[in-house]
All heavy atoms as atom14 arrays in JSON, in Angstrom:
{
  "sequence": "DDLKRKFDAASKYADLDQLGIAPQCGFASTEEGNDLTMDD",
  "atom14_mask": [
    [1, 1, 1, 1, 1, 1, 1, 1, 0, 0, 0, 0, 0, 0],
    [1, 1, 1, 1, 1, 1, 1, 1, 0, 0, 0, 0, 0, 0],
    [1, 1, 1, 1, 1, 1, 1, 1, 0, 0, 0, 0, 0, 0],
    [1, 1, 1, 1, 1, 1, 1, 1, 1, 0, 0, 0, 0, 0],
    [1, 1, 1, 1, 1, 1, 1, 1, 1, 1, 1, 0, 0, 0],
    [1, 1, 1, 1, 1, 1, 1, 1, 1, 0, 0, 0, 0, 0],
    [1, 1, 1, 1, 1, 1, 1, 1, 1, 1, 1, 0, 0, 0],
    [1, 1, 1, 1, 1, 1, 1, 1, 0, 0, 0, 0, 0, 0],
    [1, 1, 1, 1, 1, 0, 0, 0, 0, 0, 0, 0, 0, 0],
    [1, 1, 1, 1, 1, 0, 0, 0, 0, 0, 0, 0, 0, 0],
    [1, 1, 1, 1, 1, 1, 0, 0, 0, 0, 0, 0, 0, 0],
    [1, 1, 1, 1, 1, 1, 1, 1, 1, 0, 0, 0, 0, 0],
    [1, 1, 1, 1, 1, 1, 1, 1, 1, 1, 1, 1, 0, 0],
    [1, 1, 1, 1, 1, 0, 0, 0, 0, 0, 0, 0, 0, 0],
    [1, 1, 1, 1, 1, 1, 1, 1, 0, 0, 0, 0, 0, 0],
    [1, 1, 1, 1, 1, 1, 1, 1, 0, 0, 0, 0, 0, 0],
    [1, 1, 1, 1, 1, 1, 1, 1, 0, 0, 0, 0, 0, 0],
    [1, 1, 1, 1, 1, 1, 1, 1, 1, 0, 0, 0, 0, 0],
    [1, 1, 1, 1, 1, 1, 1, 1, 0, 0, 0, 0, 0, 0],
    [1, 1, 1, 1, 0, 0, 0, 0, 0, 0, 0, 0, 0, 0],
    [1, 1, 1, 1, 1, 1, 1, 1, 0, 0, 0, 0, 0, 0],
    [1, 1, 1, 1, 1, 0, 0, 0, 0, 0, 0, 0, 0, 0],
    [1, 1, 1, 1, 1, 1, 1, 0, 0, 0, 0, 0, 0, 0],
    [1, 1, 1, 1, 1, 1, 1, 1, 1, 0, 0, 0, 0, 0],
    [1, 1, 1, 1, 1, 1, 0, 0, 0, 0, 0, 0, 0, 0],
    [1, 1, 1, 1, 0, 0, 0, 0, 0, 0, 0, 0, 0, 0],
    [1, 1, 1, 1, 1, 1, 1, 1, 1, 1, 1, 0, 0, 0],
    [1, 1, 1, 1, 1, 0, 0, 0, 0, 0, 0, 0, 0, 0],
    [1, 1, 1, 1, 1, 1, 0, 0, 0, 0, 0, 0, 0, 0],
    [1, 1, 1, 1, 1, 1, 1, 0, 0, 0, 0, 0, 0, 0],
    [1, 1, 1, 1, 1, 1, 1, 1, 1, 0, 0, 0, 0, 0],
    [1, 1, 1, 1, 1, 1, 1, 1, 1, 0, 0, 0, 0, 0],
    [1, 1, 1, 1, 0, 0, 0, 0, 0, 0, 0, 0, 0, 0],
    [1, 1, 1, 1, 1, 1, 1, 1, 0, 0, 0, 0, 0, 0],
    [1, 1, 1, 1, 1, 1, 1, 1, 0, 0, 0, 0, 0, 0],
    [1, 1, 1, 1, 1, 1, 1, 1, 0, 0, 0, 0, 0, 0],
    [1, 1, 1, 1, 1, 1, 1, 0, 0, 0, 0, 0, 0, 0],
    [1, 1, 1, 1, 1, 1, 1, 1, 0, 0, 0, 0, 0, 0],
    [1, 1, 1, 1, 1, 1, 1, 1, 0, 0, 0, 0, 0, 0],
    [1, 1, 1, 1, 1, 1, 1, 1, 0, 0, 0, 0, 0, 0]
  ],
  "atom14_positions": [
    [[1.7, -28.56, 10.19], [0.66, -29.3, 9.48], [-0.54, -28.41, 9.16], [-1.11, -28.49, 8.06], [0.19, -30.5, 10.32], [1.22, -31.63, 10.34], [2.09, -31.64, 9.43], [1.16, -32.47, 11.25], [0.0, 0.0, 0.0], [0.0, 0.0, 0.0], [0.0, 0.0, 0.0], [0.0, 0.0, 0.0], [0.0, 0.0, 0.0], [0.0, 0.0, 0.0]],
    [[-0.92, -27.55, 10.09], [-2.03, -26.62, 9.83], [-1.66, -25.66, 8.71], [-2.5, -25.33, 7.85], [-2.37, -25.83, 11.09], [-3.16, -26.65, 12.09], [-3.66, -27.73, 11.71], [-3.27, -26.23, 13.26], [0.0, 0.0, 0.0], [0.0, 0.0, 0.0], [0.0, 0.0, 0.0], [0.0, 0.0, 0.0], [0.0, 0.0, 0.0], [0.0, 0.0, 0.0]],
    [[-0.42, -25.19, 8.71], [0.02, -24.27, 7.66], [-0.03, -24.96, 6.29], [-0.46, -24.37, 5.29], [1.43, -23.76, 7.95], [1.55, -22.84, 9.17], [3.01, -22.56, 9.49], [0.8, -21.53, 8.93], [0.0, 0.0, 0.0], [0.0, 0.0, 0.0], [0.0, 0.0, 0.0], [0.0, 0.0, 0.0], [0.0, 0.0, 0.0], [0.0, 0.0, 0.0]],
    [[0.38, -26.22, 6.24], [0.33, -26.97, 4.99], [-1.11, -27.09, 4.5], [-1.39, -26.96, 3.3], [0.94, -28.35, 5.16], [2.46, -28.36, 5.27], [2.95, -29.79, 5.42], [4.46, -29.88, 5.43], [4.93, -31.27, 5.57], [0.0, 0.0, 0.0], [0.0, 0.0, 0.0], [0.0, 0.0, 0.0], [0.0, 0.0, 0.0], [0.0, 0.0, 0.0]],
    [[-2.04, -27.33, 5.42], [-3.45, -27.44, 5.04], [-3.97, -26.11, 4.49], [-4.74, -26.08, 3.52], [-4.28, -27.91, 6.24], [-4.21, -29.4, 6.51], [-5.24, -29.84, 7.52], [-4.86, -29.45, 8.87], [-4.1, -30.18, 9.69], [-3.65, -31.36, 9.29], [-3.82, -29.77, 10.9], [0.0, 0.0, 0.0], [0.0, 0.0, 0.0], [0.0, 0.0, 0.0]],
    [[-3.52, -25.02, 5.07], [-3.94, -23.71, 4.59], [-3.41, -23.45, 3.18], [-4.11, -22.85, 2.35], [-3.5, -22.62, 5.56], [-4.28, -22.64, 6.87], [-3.88, -21.54, 7.81], [-4.74, -21.57, 9.08], [-4.39, -20.48, 10.02], [0.0, 0.0, 0.0], [0.0, 0.0, 0.0], [0.0, 0.0, 0.0], [0.0, 0.0, 0.0], [0.0, 0.0, 0.0]],
    [[-2.2, -23.9, 2.91], [-1.68, -23.72, 1.56], [-2.36, -24.65, 0.56], [-2.53, -24.3, -0.61], [-0.16, -23.89, 1.53], [0.56, -22.63, 1.92], [1.11, -22.47, 3.17], [0.65, -21.57, 1.02], [1.74, -21.29, 3.54], [1.28, -20.39, 1.37], [1.83, -20.25, 2.63], [0.0, 0.0, 0.0], [0.0, 0.0, 0.0], [0.0, 0.0, 0.0]],
    [[-2.78, -25.81, 1.02], [-3.6, -26.67, 0.15], [-4.87, -25.94, -0.25], [-5.29, -25.98, -1.42], [-3.95, -27.97, 0.87], [-2.8, -28.95, 0.93], [-1.84, -28.79, 0.13], [-2.83, -29.87, 1.77], [0.0, 0.0, 0.0], [0.0, 0.0, 0.0], [0.0, 0.0, 0.0], [0.0, 0.0, 0.0], [0.0, 0.0, 0.0], [0.0, 0.0, 0.0]],
    [[-5.48, -25.26, 0.73], [-6.71, -24.51, 0.45], [-6.43, -23.33, -0.47], [-7.19, -23.07, -1.42], [-7.34, -24.03, 1.76], [0.0, 0.0, 0.0], [0.0, 0.0, 0.0], [0.0, 0.0, 0.0], [0.0, 0.0, 0.0], [0.0, 0.0, 0.0], [0.0, 0.0, 0.0], [0.0, 0.0, 0.0], [0.0, 0.0, 0.0], [0.0, 0.0, 0.0]],
    [[-5.33, -22.61, -0.22], [-4.99, -21.44, -1.04], [-4.69, -21.84, -2.48], [-5.0, -21.1, -3.42], [-3.79, -20.71, -0.44], [0.0, 0.0, 0.0], [0.0, 0.0, 0.0], [0.0, 0.0, 0.0], [0.0, 0.0, 0.0], [0.0, 0.0, 0.0], [0.0, 0.0, 0.0], [0.0, 0.0, 0.0], [0.0, 0.0, 0.0], [0.0, 0.0, 0.0]],
    [[-4.11, -23.04, -2.65], [-3.73, -23.48, -4.0], [-4.93, -23.81, -4.88], [-4.78, -24.02, -6.08], [-2.81, -24.7, -3.91], [-3.5, -25.83, -3.42], [0.0, 0.0, 0.0], [0.0, 0.0, 0.0], [0.0, 0.0, 0.0], [0.0, 0.0, 0.0], [0.0, 0.0, 0.0], [0.0, 0.0, 0.0], [0.0, 0.0, 0.0], [0.0, 0.0, 0.0]],
    [[-6.11, -23.84, -4.29], [-7.33, -24.0, -5.1], [-7.66, -22.72, -5.85], [-8.43, -22.73, -6.82], [-8.49, -24.42, -4.21], [-8.38, -25.82, -3.62], [-9.56, -26.13, -2.73], [-9.55, -27.59, -2.3], [-8.38, -27.98, -1.52], [0.0, 0.0, 0.0], [0.0, 0.0, 0.0], [0.0, 0.0, 0.0], [0.0, 0.0, 0.0], [0.0, 0.0, 0.0]],
    [[-7.09, -21.61, -5.41], [-7.4, -20.31, -6.01], [-6.22, -19.68, -6.74], [-6.41, -18.82, -7.61], [-7.89, -19.34, -4.93], [-9.09, -19.85, -4.19], [-8.98, -20.39, -2.91], [-10.35, -19.81, -4.78], [-10.09, -20.87, -2.23], [-11.47, -20.29, -4.12], [-11.33, -20.82, -2.84], [-12.44, -21.31, -2.18], [0.0, 0.0, 0.0], [0.0, 0.0, 0.0]],
    [[-5.0, -20.08, -6.39], [-3.79, -19.54, -7.04], [-2.76, -20.66, -7.15], [-2.73, -21.58, -6.31], [-3.22, -18.38, -6.23], [0.0, 0.0, 0.0], [0.0, 0.0, 0.0], [0.0, 0.0, 0.0], [0.0, 0.0, 0.0], [0.0, 0.0, 0.0], [0.0, 0.0, 0.0], [0.0, 0.0, 0.0], [0.0, 0.0, 0.0], [0.0, 0.0, 0.0]],
    [[-1.96, -20.62, -8.2], [-0.93, -21.64, -8.38], [-0.01, -21.68, -7.16], [0.45, -20.62, -6.69], [-0.09, -21.35, -9.62], [-0.85, -21.6, -10.91], [-1.91, -22.27, -10.84], [-0.4, -21.14, -11.97], [0.0, 0.0, 0.0], [0.0, 0.0, 0.0], [0.0, 0.0, 0.0], [0.0, 0.0, 0.0], [0.0, 0.0, 0.0], [0.0, 0.0, 0.0]],
    [[0.29, -22.87, -6.68], [1.12, -23.01, -5.48], [2.48, -22.33, -5.66], [3.01, -21.73, -4.73], [1.31, -24.48, -5.14], [2.04, -24.78, -3.82], [1.26, -24.22, -2.64], [2.25, -26.28, -3.66], [0.0, 0.0, 0.0], [0.0, 0.0, 0.0], [0.0, 0.0, 0.0], [0.0, 0.0, 0.0], [0.0, 0.0, 0.0], [0.0, 0.0, 0.0]],
    [[3.03, -22.41, -6.87], [4.35, -21.81, -7.09], [4.3, -20.29, -7.03], [5.34, -19.64, -6.89], [4.92, -22.24, -8.44], [6.42, -21.96, -8.53], [7.15, -22.38, -7.6], [6.85, -21.3, -9.5], [0.0, 0.0, 0.0], [0.0, 0.0, 0.0], [0.0, 0.0, 0.0], [0.0, 0.0, 0.0], [0.0, 0.0, 0.0], [0.0, 0.0, 0.0]],
    [[3.1, -19.7, -7.13], [2.96, -18.25, -7.0], [2.63, -17.83, -5.58], [2.3, -16.68, -5.32], [1.86, -17.74, -7.95], [2.28, -17.7, -9.41], [1.22, -17.04, -10.28], [0.47, -17.71, -10.98], [1.15, -15.71, -10.23], [0.0, 0.0, 0.0], [0.0, 0.0, 0.0], [0.0, 0.0, 0.0], [0.0, 0.0, 0.0], [0.0, 0.0, 0.0]],
    [[2.78, -18.77, -4.65], [2.53, -18.48, -3.25], [3.82, -18.58, -2.45], [4.81, -19.17, -2.9], [1.49, -19.46, -2.68], [0.11, -19.45, -3.33], [-0.76, -20.54, -2.71], [-0.55, -18.08, -3.18], [0.0, 0.0, 0.0], [0.0, 0.0, 0.0], [0.0, 0.0, 0.0], [0.0, 0.0, 0.0], [0.0, 0.0, 0.0], [0.0, 0.0, 0.0]],
    [[3.8, -18.0, -1.27], [4.92, -18.07, -0.35], [4.4, -17.79, 1.05], [3.2, -17.59, 1.25], [0.0, 0.0, 0.0], [0.0, 0.0, 0.0], [0.0, 0.0, 0.0], [0.0, 0.0, 0.0], [0.0, 0.0, 0.0], [0.0, 0.0, 0.0], [0.0, 0.0, 0.0], [0.0, 0.0, 0.0], [0.0, 0.0, 0.0], [0.0, 0.0, 0.0]],
    [[5.29, -17.76, 2.03], [4.88, -17.56, 3.41], [5.66, -16.42, 4.03], [6.87, -16.28, 3.81], [5.05, -18.87, 4.24], [4.58, -18.68, 5.69], [6.49, -19.35, 4.18], [3.1, -18.48, 5.85], [0.0, 0.0, 0.0], [0.0, 0.0, 0.0], [0.0, 0.0, 0.0], [0.0, 0.0, 0.0], [0.0, 0.0, 0.0], [0.0, 0.0, 0.0]],
    [[4.95, -15.59, 4.77], [5.55, -14.52, 5.56], [4.65, -14.3, 6.77], [3.48, -14.66, 6.75], [5.66, -13.23, 4.75], [0.0, 0.0, 0.0], [0.0, 0.0, 0.0], [0.0, 0.0, 0.0], [0.0, 0.0, 0.0], [0.0, 0.0, 0.0], [0.0, 0.0, 0.0], [0.0, 0.0, 0.0], [0.0, 0.0, 0.0], [0.0, 0.0, 0.0]],
    [[5.17, -13.73, 7.84], [4.27, -13.35, 8.94], [3.23, -12.35, 8.45], [3.44, -11.65, 7.46], [5.22, -12.7, 9.96], [6.57, -13.24, 9.62], [6.57, -13.39, 8.13], [0.0, 0.0, 0.0], [0.0, 0.0, 0.0], [0.0, 0.0, 0.0], [0.0, 0.0, 0.0], [0.0, 0.0, 0.0], [0.0, 0.0, 0.0], [0.0, 0.0, 0.0]],
    [[2.09, -12.27, 9.14], [1.0, -11.41, 8.68], [1.32, -9.93, 8.74], [0.69, -9.13, 8.06], [-0.27, -11.69, 9.49], [-0.14, -11.6, 11.0], [-0.33, -10.24, 11.62], [0.21, -9.96, 12.69], [-1.07, -9.38, 10.98], [0.0, 0.0, 0.0], [0.0, 0.0, 0.0], [0.0, 0.0, 0.0], [0.0, 0.0, 0.0], [0.0, 0.0, 0.0]],
    [[2.28, -9.55, 9.53], [2.67, -8.14, 9.64], [4.06, -8.11, 10.25], [4.7, -9.15, 10.44], [1.66, -7.37, 10.51], [1.81, -5.57, 10.32], [0.0, 0.0, 0.0], [0.0, 0.0, 0.0], [0.0, 0.0, 0.0], [0.0, 0.0, 0.0], [0.0, 0.0, 0.0], [0.0, 0.0, 0.0], [0.0, 0.0, 0.0], [0.0, 0.0, 0.0]],
    [[4.54, -6.91, 10.55], [5.8, -6.82, 11.27], [5.57, -7.17, 12.74], [4.44, -7.27, 13.21], [0.0, 0.0, 0.0], [0.0, 0.0, 0.0], [0.0, 0.0, 0.0], [0.0, 0.0, 0.0], [0.0, 0.0, 0.0], [0.0, 0.0, 0.0], [0.0, 0.0, 0.0], [0.0, 0.0, 0.0], [0.0, 0.0, 0.0], [0.0, 0.0, 0.0]],
    [[6.67, -7.35, 13.47], [6.57, -7.64, 14.89], [6.47, -6.36, 15.72], [6.14, -6.41, 16.9], [7.78, -8.46, 15.36], [7.8, -9.85, 14.82], [8.42, -10.14, 13.61], [7.18, -10.9, 15.5], [8.44, -11.43, 13.09], [7.18, -12.19, 14.99], [7.82, -12.46, 13.78], [0.0, 0.0, 0.0], [0.0, 0.0, 0.0], [0.0, 0.0, 0.0]],
    [[6.76, -5.23, 15.07], [6.74, -3.95, 15.8], [6.49, -2.83, 14.8], [7.41, -2.1, 14.44], [8.05, -3.74, 16.55], [0.0, 0.0, 0.0], [0.0, 0.0, 0.0], [0.0, 0.0, 0.0], [0.0, 0.0, 0.0], [0.0, 0.0, 0.0], [0.0, 0.0, 0.0], [0.0, 0.0, 0.0], [0.0, 0.0, 0.0], [0.0, 0.0, 0.0]],
    [[5.25, -2.68, 14.37], [4.92, -1.62, 13.42], [5.17, -0.25, 14.02], [5.33, 0.74, 13.31], [3.46, -1.73, 12.97], [3.26, -2.94, 12.28], [0.0, 0.0, 0.0], [0.0, 0.0, 0.0], [0.0, 0.0, 0.0], [0.0, 0.0, 0.0], [0.0, 0.0, 0.0], [0.0, 0.0, 0.0], [0.0, 0.0, 0.0], [0.0, 0.0, 0.0]],
    [[5.18, -0.17, 15.35], [5.65, 1.01, 16.05], [6.71, 0.55, 17.04], [6.84, -0.65, 17.33], [4.51, 1.72, 16.81], [4.1, 0.9, 17.92], [3.33, 1.99, 15.9], [0.0, 0.0, 0.0], [0.0, 0.0, 0.0], [0.0, 0.0, 0.0], [0.0, 0.0, 0.0], [0.0, 0.0, 0.0], [0.0, 0.0, 0.0], [0.0, 0.0, 0.0]],
    [[7.45, 1.49, 17.59], [8.56, 1.12, 18.46], [8.11, 0.4, 19.72], [8.9, -0.3, 20.36], [9.38, 2.35, 18.82], [8.63, 3.43, 19.57], [9.45, 4.7, 19.74], [10.67, 4.64, 19.52], [8.88, 5.76, 20.07], [0.0, 0.0, 0.0], [0.0, 0.0, 0.0], [0.0, 0.0, 0.0], [0.0, 0.0, 0.0], [0.0, 0.0, 0.0]],
    [[6.8, 0.52, 20.08], [6.32, -0.17, 21.28], [6.35, -1.69, 21.11], [6.58, -2.42, 22.06], [4.89, 0.29, 21.61], [4.79, 1.7, 22.12], [4.75, 2.76, 21.03], [4.82, 2.39, 19.83], [4.64, 3.95, 21.36], [0.0, 0.0, 0.0], [0.0, 0.0, 0.0], [0.0, 0.0, 0.0], [0.0, 0.0, 0.0], [0.0, 0.0, 0.0]],
    [[6.09, -2.17, 19.91], [6.16, -3.6, 19.63], [4.93, -4.37, 20.08], [4.1, -3.89, 20.85], [0.0, 0.0, 0.0], [0.0, 0.0, 0.0], [0.0, 0.0, 0.0], [0.0, 0.0, 0.0], [0.0, 0.0, 0.0], [0.0, 0.0, 0.0], [0.0, 0.0, 0.0], [0.0, 0.0, 0.0], [0.0, 0.0, 0.0], [0.0, 0.0, 0.0]],
    [[4.82, -5.6, 19.57], [3.72, -6.48, 19.94], [4.06, -7.28, 21.19], [5.19, -7.26, 21.68], [3.39, -7.42, 18.78], [2.63, -6.71, 17.67], [2.12, -5.6, 17.86], [2.55, -7.34, 16.5], [0.0, 0.0, 0.0], [0.0, 0.0, 0.0], [0.0, 0.0, 0.0], [0.0, 0.0, 0.0], [0.0, 0.0, 0.0], [0.0, 0.0, 0.0]],
    [[3.06, -8.02, 21.68], [3.2, -8.74, 22.96], [3.82, -10.11, 22.76], [3.19, -11.16, 22.96], [1.83, -8.86, 23.63], [1.26, -7.51, 24.04], [2.07, -6.6, 24.32], [0.04, -7.37, 24.08], [0.0, 0.0, 0.0], [0.0, 0.0, 0.0], [0.0, 0.0, 0.0], [0.0, 0.0, 0.0], [0.0, 0.0, 0.0], [0.0, 0.0, 0.0]],
    [[5.08, -10.1, 22.31], [5.87, -11.32, 22.16], [7.25, -11.06, 22.73], [7.66, -9.91, 22.92], [6.03, -11.71, 20.68], [4.82, -12.05, 19.83], [4.27, -10.78, 19.19], [5.2, -13.05, 18.75], [0.0, 0.0, 0.0], [0.0, 0.0, 0.0], [0.0, 0.0, 0.0], [0.0, 0.0, 0.0], [0.0, 0.0, 0.0], [0.0, 0.0, 0.0]],
    [[7.99, -12.14, 22.95], [9.38, -12.01, 23.38], [10.3, -12.14, 22.17], [9.88, -12.54, 21.08], [9.75, -13.1, 24.39], [9.72, -14.39, 23.72], [8.77, -13.13, 25.57], [0.0, 0.0, 0.0], [0.0, 0.0, 0.0], [0.0, 0.0, 0.0], [0.0, 0.0, 0.0], [0.0, 0.0, 0.0], [0.0, 0.0, 0.0], [0.0, 0.0, 0.0]],
    [[11.57, -11.82, 22.37], [12.55, -12.0, 21.3], [12.62, -13.47, 20.88], [12.77, -13.78, 19.69], [13.93, -11.52, 21.77], [14.02, -10.03, 21.99], [14.04, -9.14, 20.42], [14.38, -7.47, 20.99], [0.0, 0.0, 0.0], [0.0, 0.0, 0.0], [0.0, 0.0, 0.0], [0.0, 0.0, 0.0], [0.0, 0.0, 0.0], [0.0, 0.0, 0.0]],
    [[12.51, -14.38, 21.85], [12.54, -15.81, 21.52], [11.32, -16.2, 20.69], [11.43, -17.01, 19.75], [12.61, -16.66, 22.79], [13.97, -16.63, 23.44], [14.96, -16.24, 22.76], [14.07, -16.97, 24.64], [0.0, 0.0, 0.0], [0.0, 0.0, 0.0], [0.0, 0.0, 0.0], [0.0, 0.0, 0.0], [0.0, 0.0, 0.0], [0.0, 0.0, 0.0]],
    [[10.15, -15.67, 21.05], [8.94, -15.95, 20.27], [9.14, -15.48, 18.82], [8.78, -16.19, 17.87], [7.74, -15.21, 20.86], [7.37, -15.68, 22.25], [7.61, -16.85, 22.57], [6.83, -14.85, 23.02], [0.0, 0.0, 0.0], [0.0, 0.0, 0.0], [0.0, 0.0, 0.0], [0.0, 0.0, 0.0], [0.0, 0.0, 0.0], [0.0, 0.0, 0.0]]
  ]
}
């Protein structure tokens, strides 16, 4: 629901069809990785 609200806000500045969703970055920009589990 929060993500939907954020896209409602984004669609005020860009057409919704020109938007999509992805994580903000990779999960491991280096081999050490971020503080998440495989399940996360």
